[in-house]
Amino acid sequence: MLSDIPVSWFGAIGATLTTVCWLPQAVRLIRHKNTQAISLPTNLIFFAGLFFWLVYGIAIGDWPLIAANGVSIVLTTIIVAMKLRYG
């Protein structure tokens, strides 16, 4: 059964889920502007990791990696910007 499913679908589903998980956090920060519980170092390290995954995805031409990390970088940038602005 699993052999009938293209491997890229697993990457696409995993990428979608791990990307979408940041959306509620970004929306909550934008609405409430409360960033006390957000760790800036953690999010900066995460951002760096996303950047390297994006470069890797581009290098190998893997669209789930490219899309997921591109969107995650945008969401993480929003989170980091909110943390820098509202402390």
PDB file of N, CA and C in Angstrom:
ATOM      1  N   MET A   1       0.823  -1.199   0.000  1.00  0.00           N
ATOM      2  CA  MET A   1       0.000   0.000   0.000  1.00  0.00           C
ATOM      3  C   MET A   1       0.866   1.260   0.000  1.00  0.00           C
ATOM      4  N   LEU A   2       1.812   1.335   0.933  1.00  0.00           N
ATOM      5  CA  LEU A   2       2.670   2.519   0.982  1.00  0.00           C
ATOM      6  C   LEU A   2       3.521   2.648  -0.273  1.00  0.00           C
ATOM      7  N   SER A   3       3.838   1.524  -0.882  1.00  0.00           N
ATOM      8  CA  SER A   3       4.672   1.586  -2.089  1.00  0.00           C
ATOM      9  C   SER A   3       3.929   2.214  -3.267  1.00  0.00           C
ATOM     10  N   ASP A   4       2.602   2.328  -3.167  1.00  0.00           N
ATOM     11  CA  ASP A   4       1.809   2.946  -4.228  1.00  0.00           C
ATOM     12  C   ASP A   4       1.780   4.468  -4.122  1.00  0.00           C
ATOM     13  N   ILE A   5       2.222   5.002  -2.994  1.00  0.00           N
ATOM     14  CA  ILE A   5       2.189   6.443  -2.754  1.00  0.00           C
ATOM     15  C   ILE A   5       3.558   7.032  -3.095  1.00  0.00           C
ATOM     16  N   PRO A   6       3.595   8.038  -3.948  1.00  0.00           N
ATOM     17  CA  PRO A   6       4.894   8.657  -4.264  1.00  0.00           C
ATOM     18  C   PRO A   6       5.560   9.208  -2.998  1.00  0.00           C
ATOM     19  N   VAL A   7       6.839   8.959  -2.882  1.00  0.00           N
ATOM     20  CA  VAL A   7       7.609   9.402  -1.717  1.00  0.00           C
ATOM     21  C   VAL A   7       7.500  10.903  -1.506  1.00  0.00           C
ATOM     22  N   SER A   8       7.421  11.676  -2.575  1.00  0.00           N
ATOM     23  CA  SER A   8       7.340  13.132  -2.435  1.00  0.00           C
ATOM     24  C   SER A   8       6.079  13.563  -1.696  1.00  0.00           C
ATOM     25  N   TRP A   9       5.047  12.749  -1.725  1.00  0.00           N
ATOM     26  CA  TRP A   9       3.818  13.085  -0.983  1.00  0.00           C
ATOM     27  C   TRP A   9       4.073  13.096   0.518  1.00  0.00           C
ATOM     28  N   PHE A  10       4.878  12.165   0.988  1.00  0.00           N
ATOM     29  CA  PHE A  10       5.208  12.150   2.414  1.00  0.00           C
ATOM     30  C   PHE A  10       5.951  13.427   2.785  1.00  0.00           C
ATOM     31  N   GLY A  11       6.881  13.833   1.938  1.00  0.00           N
ATOM     32  CA  GLY A  11       7.593  15.089   2.173  1.00  0.00           C
ATOM     33  C   GLY A  11       6.660  16.274   2.126  1.00  0.00           C
ATOM     34  N   ALA A  12       5.731  16.279   1.181  1.00  0.00           N
ATOM     35  CA  ALA A  12       4.796  17.395   1.046  1.00  0.00           C
ATOM     36  C   ALA A  12       3.866  17.486   2.249  1.00  0.00           C
ATOM     37  N   ILE A  13       3.366  16.357   2.702  1.00  0.00           N
ATOM     38  CA  ILE A  13       2.463  16.353   3.868  1.00  0.00           C
ATOM     39  C   ILE A  13       3.221  16.775   5.126  1.00  0.00           C
ATOM     40  N   GLY A  14       4.408  16.218   5.332  1.00  0.00           N
ATOM     41  CA  GLY A  14       5.221  16.597   6.494  1.00  0.00           C
ATOM     42  C   GLY A  14       5.583  18.069   6.465  1.00  0.00           C
ATOM     43  N   ALA A  15       5.962  18.546   5.292  1.00  0.00           N
ATOM     44  CA  ALA A  15       6.326  19.958   5.140  1.00  0.00           C
ATOM     45  C   ALA A  15       5.132  20.860   5.424  1.00  0.00           C
ATOM     46  N   THR A  16       3.973  20.478   4.931  1.00  0.00           N
ATOM     47  CA  THR A  16       2.758  21.267   5.158  1.00  0.00           C
ATOM     48  C   THR A  16       2.426  21.344   6.644  1.00  0.00           C
ATOM     49  N   LEU A  17       2.452  20.206   7.317  1.00  0.00           N
ATOM     50  CA  LEU A  17       2.103  20.178   8.746  1.00  0.00           C
ATOM     51  C   LEU A  17       3.093  20.979   9.591  1.00  0.00           C
ATOM     52  N   THR A  18       4.388  20.818   9.328  1.00  0.00           N
ATOM     53  CA  THR A  18       5.370  21.535  10.146  1.00  0.00           C
ATOM     54  C   THR A  18       5.429  23.017   9.814  1.00  0.00           C
ATOM     55  N   THR A  19       4.923  23.401   8.671  1.00  0.00           N
ATOM     56  CA  THR A  19       4.845  24.818   8.307  1.00  0.00           C
ATOM     57  C   THR A  19       3.604  25.457   8.902  1.00  0.00           C
ATOM     58  N   VAL A  20       2.479  24.808   8.753  1.00  0.00           N
ATOM     59  CA  VAL A  20       1.200  25.338   9.234  1.00  0.00           C
ATOM     60  C   VAL A  20       1.188  25.476  10.758  1.00  0.00           C
ATOM     61  N   CYS A  21       1.979  24.672  11.449  1.00  0.00           N
ATOM     62  CA  CYS A  21       1.982  24.736  12.916  1.00  0.00           C
ATOM     63  C   CYS A  21       2.415  26.103  13.432  1.00  0.00           C
ATOM     64  N   TRP A  22       3.170  26.883  12.642  1.00  0.00           N
ATOM     65  CA  TRP A  22       3.631  28.202  13.072  1.00  0.00           C
ATOM     66  C   TRP A  22       2.606  29.300  12.827  1.00  0.00           C
ATOM     67  N   LEU A  23       1.629  29.039  12.012  1.00  0.00           N
ATOM     68  CA  LEU A  23       0.626  30.051  11.681  1.00  0.00           C
ATOM     69  C   LEU A  23      -0.149  30.532  12.915  1.00  0.00           C
ATOM     70  N   PRO A  24      -0.674  29.631  13.764  1.00  0.00           N
ATOM     71  CA  PRO A  24      -1.397  30.116  14.949  1.00  0.00           C
ATOM     72  C   PRO A  24      -0.529  30.981  15.863  1.00  0.00           C
ATOM     73  N   GLN A  25       0.761  30.635  15.980  1.00  0.00           N
ATOM     74  CA  GLN A  25       1.670  31.427  16.823  1.00  0.00           C
ATOM     75  C   GLN A  25       1.839  32.832  16.260  1.00  0.00           C
ATOM     76  N   ALA A  26       2.063  32.933  14.968  1.00  0.00           N
ATOM     77  CA  ALA A  26       2.242  34.241  14.334  1.00  0.00           C
ATOM     78  C   ALA A  26       0.968  35.074  14.453  1.00  0.00           C
ATOM     79  N   VAL A  27      -0.180  34.463  14.212  1.00  0.00           N
ATOM     80  CA  VAL A  27      -1.455  35.182  14.299  1.00  0.00           C
ATOM     81  C   VAL A  27      -1.689  35.666  15.733  1.00  0.00           C
ATOM     82  N   ARG A  28      -1.415  34.806  16.705  1.00  0.00           N
ATOM     83  CA  ARG A  28      -1.614  35.193  18.115  1.00  0.00           C
ATOM     84  C   ARG A  28      -0.708  36.370  18.499  1.00  0.00           C
ATOM     85  N   LEU A  29       0.534  36.326  18.045  1.00  0.00           N
ATOM     86  CA  LEU A  29       1.457  37.427  18.357  1.00  0.00           C
ATOM     87  C   LEU A  29       1.006  38.729  17.719  1.00  0.00           C
ATOM     88  N   ILE A  30       0.528  38.652  16.493  1.00  0.00           N
ATOM     89  CA  ILE A  30       0.050  39.857  15.814  1.00  0.00           C
ATOM     90  C   ILE A  30      -1.162  40.436  16.536  1.00  0.00           C
ATOM     91  N   ARG A  31      -2.075  39.576  16.949  1.00  0.00           N
ATOM     92  CA  ARG A  31      -3.307  40.038  17.625  1.00  0.00           C
ATOM     93  C   ARG A  31      -3.047  40.598  19.010  1.00  0.00           C
ATOM     94  N   HIS A  32      -2.256  39.878  19.813  1.00  0.00           N
ATOM     95  CA  HIS A  32      -2.114  40.225  21.232  1.00  0.00           C
ATOM     96  C   HIS A  32      -0.836  40.995  21.562  1.00  0.00           C
ATOM     97  N   LYS A  33       0.146  40.938  20.666  1.00  0.00           N
ATOM     98  CA  LYS A  33       1.414  41.640  20.859  1.00  0.00           C
ATOM     99  C   LYS A  33       2.113  41.289  22.168  1.00  0.00           C
ATOM    100  N   ASN A  34       1.847  40.095  22.678  1.00  0.00           N
ATOM    101  CA  ASN A  34       2.480  39.607  23.894  1.00  0.00           C
ATOM    102  C   ASN A  34       3.527  38.566  23.500  1.00  0.00           C
ATOM    103  N   THR A  35       4.792  38.951  23.615  1.00  0.00           N
ATOM    104  CA  THR A  35       5.877  38.071  23.179  1.00  0.00           C
ATOM    105  C   THR A  35       6.736  37.582  24.341  1.00  0.00           C
ATOM    106  N   GLN A  36       6.257  37.761  25.565  1.00  0.00           N
ATOM    107  CA  GLN A  36       7.042  37.396  26.744  1.00  0.00           C
ATOM    108  C   GLN A  36       7.508  35.944  26.719  1.00  0.00           C
ATOM    109  N   ALA A  37       6.671  35.035  26.325  1.00  0.00           N
ATOM    110  CA  ALA A  37       6.990  33.612  26.381  1.00  0.00           C
ATOM    111  C   ALA A  37       7.775  33.125  25.163  1.00  0.00           C
ATOM    112  N   ILE A  38       8.067  34.014  24.238  1.00  0.00           N
ATOM    113  CA  ILE A  38       8.766  33.641  23.021  1.00  0.00           C
ATOM    114  C   ILE A  38      10.271  33.816  23.232  1.00  0.00           C
ATOM    115  N   SER A  39      11.044  32.793  22.910  1.00  0.00           N
ATOM    116  CA  SER A  39      12.489  32.847  23.041  1.00  0.00           C
ATOM    117  C   SER A  39      13.107  33.370  21.742  1.00  0.00           C
ATOM    118  N   LEU A  40      13.775  34.508  21.816  1.00  0.00           N
ATOM    119  CA  LEU A  40      14.434  35.080  20.647  1.00  0.00           C
ATOM    120  C   LEU A  40      15.586  34.192  20.159  1.00  0.00           C
ATOM    121  N   PRO A  41      16.483  33.731  21.048  1.00  0.00           N
ATOM    122  CA  PRO A  41      17.571  32.866  20.559  1.00  0.00           C
ATOM    123  C   PRO A  41      17.059  31.598  19.864  1.00  0.00           C
ATOM    124  N   THR A  42      16.042  30.996  20.415  1.00  0.00           N
ATOM    125  CA  THR A  42      15.481  29.785  19.809  1.00  0.00           C
ATOM    126  C   THR A  42      14.957  30.078  18.417  1.00  0.00           C
ATOM    127  N   ASN A  43      14.229  31.161  18.269  1.00  0.00           N
ATOM    128  CA  ASN A  43      13.662  31.491  16.966  1.00  0.00           C
ATOM    129  C   ASN A  43      14.727  31.915  15.959  1.00  0.00           C
ATOM    130  N   LEU A  44      15.793  32.557  16.411  1.00  0.00           N
ATOM    131  CA  LEU A  44      16.885  32.914  15.505  1.00  0.00           C
ATOM    132  C   LEU A  44      17.635  31.668  15.029  1.00  0.00           C
ATOM    133  N   ILE A  45      17.865  30.725  15.926  1.00  0.00           N
ATOM    134  CA  ILE A  45      18.506  29.465  15.538  1.00  0.00           C
ATOM    135  C   ILE A  45      17.603  28.692  14.586  1.00  0.00           C
ATOM    136  N   PHE A  46      16.308  28.674  14.882  1.00  0.00           N
ATOM    137  CA  PHE A  46      15.346  28.005  14.010  1.00  0.00           C
ATOM    138  C   PHE A  46      15.350  28.644  12.623  1.00  0.00           C
ATOM    139  N   PHE A  47      15.372  29.974  12.584  1.00  0.00           N
ATOM    140  CA  PHE A  47      15.429  30.698  11.315  1.00  0.00           C
ATOM    141  C   PHE A  47      16.663  30.292  10.513  1.00  0.00           C
ATOM    142  N   ALA A  48      17.803  30.218  11.171  1.00  0.00           N
ATOM    143  CA  ALA A  48      19.037  29.820  10.483  1.00  0.00           C
ATOM    144  C   ALA A  48      18.894  28.403   9.918  1.00  0.00           C
ATOM    145  N   GLY A  49      18.319  27.510  10.707  1.00  0.00           N
ATOM    146  CA  GLY A  49      18.091  26.150  10.224  1.00  0.00           C
ATOM    147  C   GLY A  49      17.183  26.128   9.007  1.00  0.00           C
ATOM    148  N   LEU A  50      16.119  26.920   9.044  1.00  0.00           N
ATOM    149  CA  LEU A  50      15.206  27.009   7.902  1.00  0.00           C
ATOM    150  C   LEU A  50      15.927  27.512   6.663  1.00  0.00           C
ATOM    151  N   PHE A  51      16.773  28.503   6.855  1.00  0.00           N
ATOM    152  CA  PHE A  51      17.529  29.061   5.728  1.00  0.00           C
ATOM    153  C   PHE A  51      18.381  27.987   5.066  1.00  0.00           C
ATOM    154  N   PHE A  52      19.093  27.209   5.882  1.00  0.00           N
ATOM    155  CA  PHE A  52      19.955  26.175   5.318  1.00  0.00           C
ATOM    156  C   PHE A  52      19.142  25.057   4.663  1.00  0.00           C
ATOM    157  N   TRP A  53      17.993  24.709   5.238  1.00  0.00           N
ATOM    158  CA  TRP A  53      17.109  23.726   4.598  1.00  0.00           C
ATOM    159  C   TRP A  53      16.597  24.270   3.265  1.00  0.00           C
ATOM    160  N   LEU A  54      16.289  25.559   3.223  1.00  0.00           N
ATOM    161  CA  LEU A  54      15.820  26.167   1.972  1.00  0.00           C
ATOM    162  C   LEU A  54      16.908  26.111   0.902  1.00  0.00           C
ATOM    163  N   VAL A  55      18.122  26.477   1.261  1.00  0.00           N
ATOM    164  CA  VAL A  55      19.234  26.420   0.316  1.00  0.00           C
ATOM    165  C   VAL A  55      19.432  24.979  -0.168  1.00  0.00           C
ATOM    166  N   TYR A  56      19.375  24.036   0.744  1.00  0.00           N
ATOM    167  CA  TYR A  56      19.513  22.627   0.386  1.00  0.00           C
ATOM    168  C   TYR A  56      18.389  22.199  -0.562  1.00  0.00           C
ATOM    169  N   GLY A  57      17.162  22.577  -0.253  1.00  0.00           N
ATOM    170  CA  GLY A  57      16.023  22.243  -1.100  1.00  0.00           C
ATOM    171  C   GLY A  57      16.171  22.815  -2.494  1.00  0.00           C
ATOM    172  N   ILE A  58      16.654  24.040  -2.588  1.00  0.00           N
ATOM    173  CA  ILE A  58      16.884  24.663  -3.892  1.00  0.00           C
ATOM    174  C   ILE A  58      17.977  23.902  -4.643  1.00  0.00           C
ATOM    175  N   ALA A  59      19.040  23.551  -3.931  1.00  0.00           N
ATOM    176  CA  ALA A  59      20.170  22.861  -4.560  1.00  0.00           C
ATOM    177  C   ALA A  59      19.771  21.514  -5.152  1.00  0.00           C
ATOM    178  N   ILE A  60      18.864  20.814  -4.478  1.00  0.00           N
ATOM    179  CA  ILE A  60      18.472  19.496  -4.987  1.00  0.00           C
ATOM    180  C   ILE A  60      17.148  19.543  -5.748  1.00  0.00           C
ATOM    181  N   GLY A  61      16.533  20.717  -5.805  1.00  0.00           N
ATOM    182  CA  GLY A  61      15.284  20.875  -6.550  1.00  0.00           C
ATOM    183  C   GLY A  61      14.099  20.157  -5.928  1.00  0.00           C
ATOM    184  N   ASP A  62      14.045  20.148  -4.602  1.00  0.00           N
ATOM    185  CA  ASP A  62      12.969  19.448  -3.891  1.00  0.00           C
ATOM    186  C   ASP A  62      11.879  20.448  -3.506  1.00  0.00           C
ATOM    187  N   TRP A  63      10.751  20.433  -4.238  1.00  0.00           N
ATOM    188  CA  TRP A  63       9.715  21.445  -4.022  1.00  0.00           C
ATOM    189  C   TRP A  63       9.092  21.416  -2.630  1.00  0.00           C
ATOM    190  N   PRO A  64       8.892  20.252  -1.964  1.00  0.00           N
ATOM    191  CA  PRO A  64       8.350  20.336  -0.601  1.00  0.00           C
ATOM    192  C   PRO A  64       9.294  21.084   0.351  1.00  0.00           C
ATOM    193  N   LEU A  65      10.595  20.844   0.222  1.00  0.00           N
ATOM    194  CA  LEU A  65      11.559  21.557   1.063  1.00  0.00           C
ATOM    195  C   LEU A  65      11.572  23.048   0.762  1.00  0.00           C
ATOM    196  N   ILE A  66      11.534  23.380  -0.502  1.00  0.00           N
ATOM    197  CA  ILE A  66      11.561  24.788  -0.904  1.00  0.00           C
ATOM    198  C   ILE A  66      10.322  25.518  -0.403  1.00  0.00           C
ATOM    199  N   ALA A  67       9.160  24.964  -0.665  1.00  0.00           N
ATOM    200  CA  ALA A  67       7.903  25.621  -0.276  1.00  0.00           C
ATOM    201  C   ALA A  67       7.765  25.733   1.233  1.00  0.00           C
ATOM    202  N   ALA A  68       7.979  24.623   1.923  1.00  0.00           N
ATOM    203  CA  ALA A  68       7.789  24.615   3.379  1.00  0.00           C
ATOM    204  C   ALA A  68       8.750  25.562   4.067  1.00  0.00           C
ATOM    205  N   ASN A  69      10.002  25.518   3.673  1.00  0.00           N
ATOM    206  CA  ASN A  69      10.975  26.371   4.341  1.00  0.00           C
ATOM    207  C   ASN A  69      10.821  27.827   3.944  1.00  0.00           C
ATOM    208  N   GLY A  70      10.395  28.090   2.723  1.00  0.00           N
ATOM    209  CA  GLY A  70      10.111  29.462   2.318  1.00  0.00           C
ATOM    210  C   GLY A  70       8.989  30.073   3.143  1.00  0.00           C
ATOM    211  N   VAL A  71       7.901  29.336   3.297  1.00  0.00           N
ATOM    212  CA  VAL A  71       6.766  29.829   4.095  1.00  0.00           C
ATOM    213  C   VAL A  71       7.154  29.913   5.571  1.00  0.00           C
ATOM    214  N   SER A  72       7.863  28.912   6.067  1.00  0.00           N
ATOM    215  CA  SER A  72       8.283  28.930   7.476  1.00  0.00           C
ATOM    216  C   SER A  72       9.200  30.103   7.777  1.00  0.00           C
ATOM    217  N   ILE A  73      10.057  30.460   6.826  1.00  0.00           N
ATOM    218  CA  ILE A  73      10.928  31.627   7.010  1.00  0.00           C
ATOM    219  C   ILE A  73      10.090  32.891   7.144  1.00  0.00           C
ATOM    220  N   VAL A  74       9.058  33.014   6.341  1.00  0.00           N
ATOM    221  CA  VAL A  74       8.179  34.189   6.436  1.00  0.00           C
ATOM    222  C   VAL A  74       7.516  34.233   7.816  1.00  0.00           C
ATOM    223  N   LEU A  75       6.966  33.109   8.259  1.00  0.00           N
ATOM    224  CA  LEU A  75       6.279  33.079   9.558  1.00  0.00           C
ATOM    225  C   LEU A  75       7.261  33.324  10.703  1.00  0.00           C
ATOM    226  N   THR A  76       8.432  32.731  10.625  1.00  0.00           N
ATOM    227  CA  THR A  76       9.431  32.933  11.678  1.00  0.00           C
ATOM    228  C   THR A  76       9.933  34.365  11.686  1.00  0.00           C
ATOM    229  N   THR A  77      10.052  34.976  10.523  1.00  0.00           N
ATOM    230  CA  THR A  77      10.442  36.385  10.446  1.00  0.00           C
ATOM    231  C   THR A  77       9.407  37.254  11.147  1.00  0.00           C
ATOM    232  N   ILE A  78       8.129  36.955  10.962  1.00  0.00           N
ATOM    233  CA  ILE A  78       7.064  37.702  11.649  1.00  0.00           C
ATOM    234  C   ILE A  78       7.213  37.536  13.153  1.00  0.00           C
ATOM    235  N   ILE A  79       7.441  36.309  13.607  1.00  0.00           N
ATOM    236  CA  ILE A  79       7.576  36.036  15.040  1.00  0.00           C
ATOM    237  C   ILE A  79       8.786  36.779  15.612  1.00  0.00           C
ATOM    238  N   VAL A  80       9.920  36.731  14.929  1.00  0.00           N
ATOM    239  CA  VAL A  80      11.127  37.411  15.396  1.00  0.00           C
ATOM    240  C   VAL A  80      10.921  38.928  15.395  1.00  0.00           C
ATOM    241  N   ALA A  81      10.300  39.444  14.351  1.00  0.00           N
ATOM    242  CA  ALA A  81      10.051  40.886  14.287  1.00  0.00           C
ATOM    243  C   ALA A  81       9.137  41.337  15.430  1.00  0.00           C
ATOM    244  N   MET A  82       8.117  40.550  15.709  1.00  0.00           N
ATOM    245  CA  MET A  82       7.211  40.887  16.820  1.00  0.00           C
ATOM    246  C   MET A  82       7.965  40.842  18.160  1.00  0.00           C
ATOM    247  N   LYS A  83       8.834  39.844  18.314  1.00  0.00           N
ATOM    248  CA  LYS A  83       9.622  39.739  19.552  1.00  0.00           C
ATOM    249  C   LYS A  83      10.550  40.945  19.695  1.00  0.00           C
ATOM    250  N   LEU A  84      11.208  41.345  18.618  1.00  0.00           N
ATOM    251  CA  LEU A  84      12.097  42.501  18.676  1.00  0.00           C
ATOM    252  C   LEU A  84      11.341  43.788  18.952  1.00  0.00           C
ATOM    253  N   ARG A  85      10.151  43.906  18.379  1.00  0.00           N
ATOM    254  CA  ARG A  85       9.371  45.131  18.551  1.00  0.00           C
ATOM    255  C   ARG A  85       8.717  45.216  19.932  1.00  0.00           C
ATOM    256  N   TYR A  86       8.148  44.112  20.388  1.00  0.00           N
ATOM    257  CA  TYR A  86       7.366  44.149  21.642  1.00  0.00           C
ATOM    258  C   TYR A  86       8.065  43.491  22.825  1.00  0.00           C
ATOM    259  N   GLY A  87       9.288  43.025  22.633  1.00  0.00           N
ATOM    260  CA  GLY A  87      10.085  42.466  23.710  1.00  0.00           C
ATOM    261  C   GLY A  87       9.582  41.187  24.204  1.00  0.00           C
TER     262      GLY A  87
END
